[in-house]
N, C-alpha and C. Protein backbone atom coordinates (compact mmCIF):
# COMPACT_ATOMS: atom_id res chain seq x y z
N MET A 1 19.02 31.76 18.79
CA MET A 1 17.84 32.36 18.19
C MET A 1 17.56 31.67 16.87
N ALA A 2 16.30 31.41 16.58
CA ALA A 2 15.93 30.70 15.36
C ALA A 2 16.02 31.61 14.15
N GLU A 3 16.52 31.04 13.08
CA GLU A 3 16.59 31.79 11.82
C GLU A 3 15.23 31.78 11.16
N SER A 4 15.04 32.63 10.15
CA SER A 4 13.74 32.71 9.48
C SER A 4 13.40 31.41 8.75
N GLY A 5 14.40 30.70 8.26
CA GLY A 5 14.15 29.42 7.60
C GLY A 5 13.64 28.38 8.58
N ASP A 6 14.18 28.42 9.80
CA ASP A 6 13.73 27.49 10.83
C ASP A 6 12.29 27.74 11.23
N SER A 7 11.90 29.01 11.33
CA SER A 7 10.52 29.31 11.71
C SER A 7 9.55 28.92 10.60
N GLY A 8 9.99 29.00 9.36
CA GLY A 8 9.14 28.57 8.24
C GLY A 8 8.90 27.07 8.28
N ILE A 9 9.94 26.32 8.62
CA ILE A 9 9.80 24.87 8.73
C ILE A 9 8.89 24.50 9.89
N LEU A 10 9.07 25.20 11.01
CA LEU A 10 8.22 24.94 12.18
C LEU A 10 6.76 25.28 11.89
N LEU A 11 6.52 26.37 11.18
CA LEU A 11 5.16 26.73 10.81
C LEU A 11 4.54 25.69 9.89
N LEU A 12 5.31 25.21 8.93
CA LEU A 12 4.83 24.18 8.02
C LEU A 12 4.51 22.90 8.79
N LEU A 13 5.35 22.52 9.71
CA LEU A 13 5.12 21.34 10.53
C LEU A 13 3.86 21.51 11.38
N LEU A 14 3.67 22.68 11.95
CA LEU A 14 2.49 22.94 12.77
C LEU A 14 1.21 22.89 11.94
N VAL A 15 1.23 23.50 10.77
CA VAL A 15 0.05 23.49 9.89
C VAL A 15 -0.27 22.06 9.47
N GLY A 16 0.75 21.28 9.14
CA GLY A 16 0.53 19.88 8.77
C GLY A 16 -0.07 19.07 9.90
N ALA A 17 0.43 19.29 11.12
CA ALA A 17 -0.09 18.57 12.28
C ALA A 17 -1.54 18.96 12.56
N VAL A 18 -1.85 20.24 12.48
CA VAL A 18 -3.22 20.70 12.73
C VAL A 18 -4.17 20.10 11.69
N ALA A 19 -3.77 20.10 10.43
CA ALA A 19 -4.62 19.53 9.38
C ALA A 19 -4.84 18.04 9.61
N THR A 20 -3.79 17.33 9.96
CA THR A 20 -3.91 15.89 10.20
C THR A 20 -4.82 15.60 11.38
N TYR A 21 -4.59 16.27 12.49
CA TYR A 21 -5.38 15.98 13.69
C TYR A 21 -6.80 16.51 13.59
N ALA A 22 -7.04 17.53 12.78
CA ALA A 22 -8.41 18.01 12.57
C ALA A 22 -9.24 16.92 11.88
N TRP A 23 -8.68 16.28 10.86
CA TRP A 23 -9.41 15.21 10.16
C TRP A 23 -9.59 14.00 11.08
N ARG A 24 -8.60 13.69 11.88
CA ARG A 24 -8.73 12.58 12.83
C ARG A 24 -9.82 12.88 13.86
N GLY A 25 -9.84 14.10 14.35
CA GLY A 25 -10.87 14.49 15.31
C GLY A 25 -12.26 14.41 14.71
N LEU A 26 -12.41 14.86 13.47
CA LEU A 26 -13.69 14.76 12.79
C LEU A 26 -14.10 13.30 12.63
N GLY A 27 -13.14 12.45 12.32
CA GLY A 27 -13.43 11.02 12.19
C GLY A 27 -13.92 10.41 13.49
N VAL A 28 -13.28 10.78 14.59
CA VAL A 28 -13.69 10.28 15.90
C VAL A 28 -15.08 10.79 16.25
N ALA A 29 -15.36 12.05 15.95
CA ALA A 29 -16.66 12.63 16.27
C ALA A 29 -17.79 11.99 15.47
N LEU A 30 -17.51 11.61 14.23
CA LEU A 30 -18.55 11.03 13.37
C LEU A 30 -18.62 9.52 13.42
N ALA A 31 -17.62 8.85 13.95
CA ALA A 31 -17.54 7.39 13.89
C ALA A 31 -18.74 6.71 14.52
N GLY A 32 -19.23 7.21 15.62
CA GLY A 32 -20.36 6.58 16.29
C GLY A 32 -21.68 6.78 15.57
N ARG A 33 -21.75 7.72 14.67
CA ARG A 33 -23.01 8.05 13.99
C ARG A 33 -23.14 7.41 12.61
N LEU A 34 -22.10 6.74 12.15
CA LEU A 34 -22.12 6.17 10.81
C LEU A 34 -22.52 4.70 10.83
N ASP A 35 -23.29 4.30 9.83
CA ASP A 35 -23.68 2.90 9.67
C ASP A 35 -22.73 2.25 8.67
N VAL A 36 -21.88 1.37 9.16
CA VAL A 36 -20.87 0.76 8.30
C VAL A 36 -21.46 -0.24 7.32
N ASN A 37 -22.73 -0.59 7.47
CA ASN A 37 -23.39 -1.51 6.54
C ASN A 37 -24.23 -0.76 5.50
N SER A 38 -24.09 0.54 5.44
CA SER A 38 -24.89 1.33 4.51
C SER A 38 -24.36 1.16 3.08
N PRO A 39 -25.20 1.46 2.08
CA PRO A 39 -24.76 1.37 0.69
C PRO A 39 -23.56 2.27 0.38
N LEU A 40 -23.47 3.40 1.06
CA LEU A 40 -22.34 4.31 0.84
C LEU A 40 -21.02 3.64 1.24
N PHE A 41 -21.02 2.96 2.37
CA PHE A 41 -19.80 2.28 2.81
C PHE A 41 -19.48 1.08 1.93
N GLU A 42 -20.51 0.38 1.47
CA GLU A 42 -20.27 -0.74 0.55
C GLU A 42 -19.64 -0.22 -0.75
N TRP A 43 -20.15 0.91 -1.24
CA TRP A 43 -19.58 1.51 -2.45
C TRP A 43 -18.13 1.93 -2.21
N ALA A 44 -17.86 2.56 -1.07
CA ALA A 44 -16.50 3.00 -0.76
C ALA A 44 -15.56 1.80 -0.67
N ALA A 45 -16.02 0.70 -0.09
CA ALA A 45 -15.19 -0.50 0.00
C ALA A 45 -14.90 -1.05 -1.40
N CYS A 46 -15.90 -1.06 -2.26
CA CYS A 46 -15.70 -1.54 -3.64
C CYS A 46 -14.70 -0.65 -4.38
N VAL A 47 -14.80 0.65 -4.21
CA VAL A 47 -13.86 1.57 -4.86
C VAL A 47 -12.45 1.35 -4.32
N ALA A 48 -12.32 1.15 -3.02
CA ALA A 48 -11.00 0.92 -2.43
C ALA A 48 -10.38 -0.37 -2.97
N TYR A 49 -11.17 -1.44 -3.06
CA TYR A 49 -10.66 -2.70 -3.60
C TYR A 49 -10.30 -2.56 -5.08
N ALA A 50 -11.10 -1.82 -5.83
CA ALA A 50 -10.80 -1.61 -7.25
C ALA A 50 -9.50 -0.82 -7.43
N LEU A 51 -9.30 0.21 -6.62
CA LEU A 51 -8.05 0.97 -6.69
C LEU A 51 -6.85 0.10 -6.34
N LEU A 52 -6.99 -0.70 -5.30
CA LEU A 52 -5.90 -1.59 -4.90
C LEU A 52 -5.59 -2.60 -6.00
N ALA A 53 -6.62 -3.18 -6.59
CA ALA A 53 -6.40 -4.14 -7.68
C ALA A 53 -5.72 -3.47 -8.88
N GLY A 54 -6.14 -2.24 -9.18
CA GLY A 54 -5.52 -1.51 -10.28
C GLY A 54 -4.06 -1.19 -10.01
N LEU A 55 -3.75 -0.80 -8.79
CA LEU A 55 -2.35 -0.50 -8.45
C LEU A 55 -1.48 -1.75 -8.50
N ILE A 56 -2.01 -2.87 -8.01
CA ILE A 56 -1.24 -4.11 -8.07
C ILE A 56 -1.03 -4.54 -9.51
N ALA A 57 -2.07 -4.44 -10.33
CA ALA A 57 -1.93 -4.80 -11.75
C ALA A 57 -0.92 -3.89 -12.44
N ARG A 58 -0.94 -2.61 -12.12
CA ARG A 58 0.03 -1.69 -12.73
C ARG A 58 1.45 -2.03 -12.31
N MET A 59 1.63 -2.40 -11.03
CA MET A 59 2.97 -2.77 -10.55
C MET A 59 3.48 -4.03 -11.25
N ILE A 60 2.58 -4.92 -11.62
CA ILE A 60 3.00 -6.15 -12.29
C ILE A 60 3.24 -5.90 -13.78
N VAL A 61 2.32 -5.23 -14.44
CA VAL A 61 2.38 -5.06 -15.90
C VAL A 61 3.26 -3.90 -16.33
N MET A 62 3.17 -2.77 -15.63
CA MET A 62 3.94 -1.58 -16.00
C MET A 62 4.69 -1.04 -14.78
N PRO A 63 5.68 -1.76 -14.30
CA PRO A 63 6.38 -1.30 -13.09
C PRO A 63 7.24 -0.08 -13.35
N SER A 64 7.55 0.63 -12.28
CA SER A 64 8.45 1.76 -12.39
C SER A 64 9.51 1.63 -11.31
N GLY A 65 10.58 2.38 -11.45
CA GLY A 65 11.66 2.35 -10.47
C GLY A 65 12.41 1.03 -10.51
N PRO A 66 12.91 0.60 -9.37
CA PRO A 66 13.69 -0.64 -9.31
C PRO A 66 12.89 -1.87 -9.74
N LEU A 67 11.59 -1.85 -9.55
CA LEU A 67 10.75 -2.99 -9.93
C LEU A 67 10.76 -3.21 -11.44
N ALA A 68 11.03 -2.16 -12.20
CA ALA A 68 11.06 -2.27 -13.66
C ALA A 68 12.21 -3.14 -14.14
N SER A 69 13.23 -3.32 -13.33
CA SER A 69 14.37 -4.14 -13.74
C SER A 69 14.14 -5.63 -13.50
N THR A 70 13.01 -6.00 -12.91
CA THR A 70 12.69 -7.41 -12.70
C THR A 70 11.91 -7.94 -13.89
N ALA A 71 11.99 -9.25 -14.10
CA ALA A 71 11.30 -9.88 -15.23
C ALA A 71 9.81 -10.06 -14.93
N LEU A 72 9.00 -9.95 -15.98
CA LEU A 72 7.55 -10.11 -15.83
C LEU A 72 7.19 -11.48 -15.23
N PRO A 73 7.79 -12.58 -15.70
CA PRO A 73 7.44 -13.88 -15.07
C PRO A 73 7.75 -13.93 -13.58
N ASP A 74 8.80 -13.25 -13.16
CA ASP A 74 9.13 -13.21 -11.73
C ASP A 74 8.07 -12.45 -10.95
N ARG A 75 7.64 -11.31 -11.48
CA ARG A 75 6.60 -10.52 -10.81
C ARG A 75 5.29 -11.28 -10.76
N LEU A 76 4.93 -11.93 -11.87
CA LEU A 76 3.69 -12.70 -11.91
C LEU A 76 3.75 -13.88 -10.95
N GLY A 77 4.86 -14.59 -10.95
CA GLY A 77 5.00 -15.74 -10.06
C GLY A 77 4.91 -15.34 -8.59
N ALA A 78 5.57 -14.27 -8.22
CA ALA A 78 5.53 -13.80 -6.84
C ALA A 78 4.11 -13.36 -6.46
N ALA A 79 3.43 -12.69 -7.37
CA ALA A 79 2.07 -12.23 -7.08
C ALA A 79 1.10 -13.41 -6.93
N VAL A 80 1.22 -14.40 -7.82
CA VAL A 80 0.34 -15.56 -7.74
C VAL A 80 0.59 -16.34 -6.45
N LEU A 81 1.85 -16.52 -6.10
CA LEU A 81 2.16 -17.24 -4.87
C LEU A 81 1.68 -16.45 -3.64
N ALA A 82 1.87 -15.14 -3.63
CA ALA A 82 1.41 -14.32 -2.51
C ALA A 82 -0.10 -14.40 -2.37
N PHE A 83 -0.80 -14.37 -3.50
CA PHE A 83 -2.27 -14.46 -3.49
C PHE A 83 -2.71 -15.82 -2.94
N THR A 84 -2.03 -16.87 -3.36
CA THR A 84 -2.36 -18.22 -2.89
C THR A 84 -2.10 -18.34 -1.38
N ILE A 85 -0.96 -17.85 -0.93
CA ILE A 85 -0.63 -17.90 0.49
C ILE A 85 -1.63 -17.09 1.31
N PHE A 86 -2.09 -15.97 0.75
CA PHE A 86 -3.07 -15.12 1.43
C PHE A 86 -4.30 -15.94 1.81
N PHE A 87 -4.80 -16.75 0.88
CA PHE A 87 -6.00 -17.53 1.16
C PHE A 87 -5.70 -18.79 1.96
N LEU A 88 -4.52 -19.37 1.77
CA LEU A 88 -4.17 -20.57 2.55
C LEU A 88 -3.93 -20.26 4.02
N THR A 89 -3.54 -19.04 4.33
CA THR A 89 -3.29 -18.64 5.73
C THR A 89 -4.46 -17.87 6.32
N ARG A 90 -5.64 -18.09 5.78
CA ARG A 90 -6.87 -17.43 6.27
C ARG A 90 -6.76 -15.91 6.23
N LYS A 91 -6.29 -15.42 5.09
CA LYS A 91 -6.19 -13.99 4.80
C LYS A 91 -5.21 -13.25 5.70
N ASN A 92 -4.08 -13.87 5.97
CA ASN A 92 -3.01 -13.24 6.74
C ASN A 92 -2.16 -12.41 5.77
N LEU A 93 -2.37 -11.12 5.78
CA LEU A 93 -1.71 -10.23 4.83
C LEU A 93 -0.20 -10.16 5.04
N LEU A 94 0.23 -10.17 6.28
CA LEU A 94 1.66 -10.08 6.57
C LEU A 94 2.42 -11.27 5.99
N VAL A 95 1.90 -12.47 6.18
CA VAL A 95 2.55 -13.67 5.65
C VAL A 95 2.54 -13.64 4.13
N ALA A 96 1.43 -13.23 3.53
CA ALA A 96 1.33 -13.21 2.08
C ALA A 96 2.29 -12.21 1.45
N VAL A 97 2.34 -11.01 1.99
CA VAL A 97 3.23 -9.98 1.44
C VAL A 97 4.69 -10.36 1.63
N THR A 98 5.02 -10.90 2.80
CA THR A 98 6.39 -11.33 3.05
C THR A 98 6.78 -12.46 2.10
N THR A 99 5.90 -13.40 1.88
CA THR A 99 6.17 -14.49 0.95
C THR A 99 6.35 -13.97 -0.47
N GLY A 100 5.47 -13.09 -0.92
CA GLY A 100 5.59 -12.52 -2.26
C GLY A 100 6.89 -11.77 -2.44
N PHE A 101 7.26 -10.99 -1.45
CA PHE A 101 8.52 -10.25 -1.51
C PHE A 101 9.71 -11.19 -1.58
N ALA A 102 9.72 -12.19 -0.70
CA ALA A 102 10.84 -13.14 -0.67
C ALA A 102 10.95 -13.90 -1.99
N VAL A 103 9.83 -14.32 -2.54
CA VAL A 103 9.85 -15.05 -3.81
C VAL A 103 10.36 -14.16 -4.93
N LEU A 104 9.92 -12.91 -4.97
CA LEU A 104 10.39 -12.00 -6.01
C LEU A 104 11.90 -11.78 -5.90
N VAL A 105 12.39 -11.60 -4.69
CA VAL A 105 13.83 -11.41 -4.50
C VAL A 105 14.60 -12.65 -4.93
N LEU A 106 14.13 -13.82 -4.50
CA LEU A 106 14.83 -15.07 -4.85
C LEU A 106 14.80 -15.33 -6.36
N LEU A 107 13.67 -15.09 -6.99
CA LEU A 107 13.57 -15.30 -8.44
C LEU A 107 14.48 -14.31 -9.20
N THR A 108 14.51 -13.07 -8.73
CA THR A 108 15.35 -12.07 -9.39
C THR A 108 16.83 -12.41 -9.20
N TRP A 109 17.22 -12.80 -8.00
CA TRP A 109 18.61 -13.19 -7.74
C TRP A 109 18.97 -14.43 -8.55
N GLY A 110 18.04 -15.40 -8.56
CA GLY A 110 18.30 -16.62 -9.33
C GLY A 110 18.45 -16.35 -10.81
N ARG A 111 17.66 -15.46 -11.35
CA ARG A 111 17.74 -15.10 -12.76
C ARG A 111 19.09 -14.42 -13.04
N ALA A 112 19.54 -13.59 -12.11
CA ALA A 112 20.83 -12.90 -12.29
C ALA A 112 21.99 -13.88 -12.21
N ASP A 113 21.89 -14.86 -11.32
CA ASP A 113 22.97 -15.85 -11.17
C ASP A 113 23.06 -16.80 -12.34
N PHE A 114 21.93 -17.14 -12.96
CA PHE A 114 21.92 -18.12 -14.04
C PHE A 114 21.90 -17.50 -15.42
N SER A 115 22.03 -16.20 -15.49
CA SER A 115 22.01 -15.53 -16.81
C SER A 115 23.41 -15.39 -17.37
């Protein structure tokens, strides 16, 4: 028999699933009626890119957590190389992010070994 704590967790899981799938269902219902070339969508895309740029800049300039223990030149170098690879590979995000991550790890390890 389920304890009261278990039923609370199950209820929370159910409410979360209903909320998630309700928004997905609304998206599917409205998707065919929306004009993706409208000024509203262009504005939303600009806001999304601005937020992403701000988050990346914050991660480089004011990192938190384990990233804060890395050197600023290492973070900048990895970001510049990832950005360059992104455009050289015809905007392949997976290759760019993997390259940036690998460069940051190698630069951080190299700095630790030579310090």
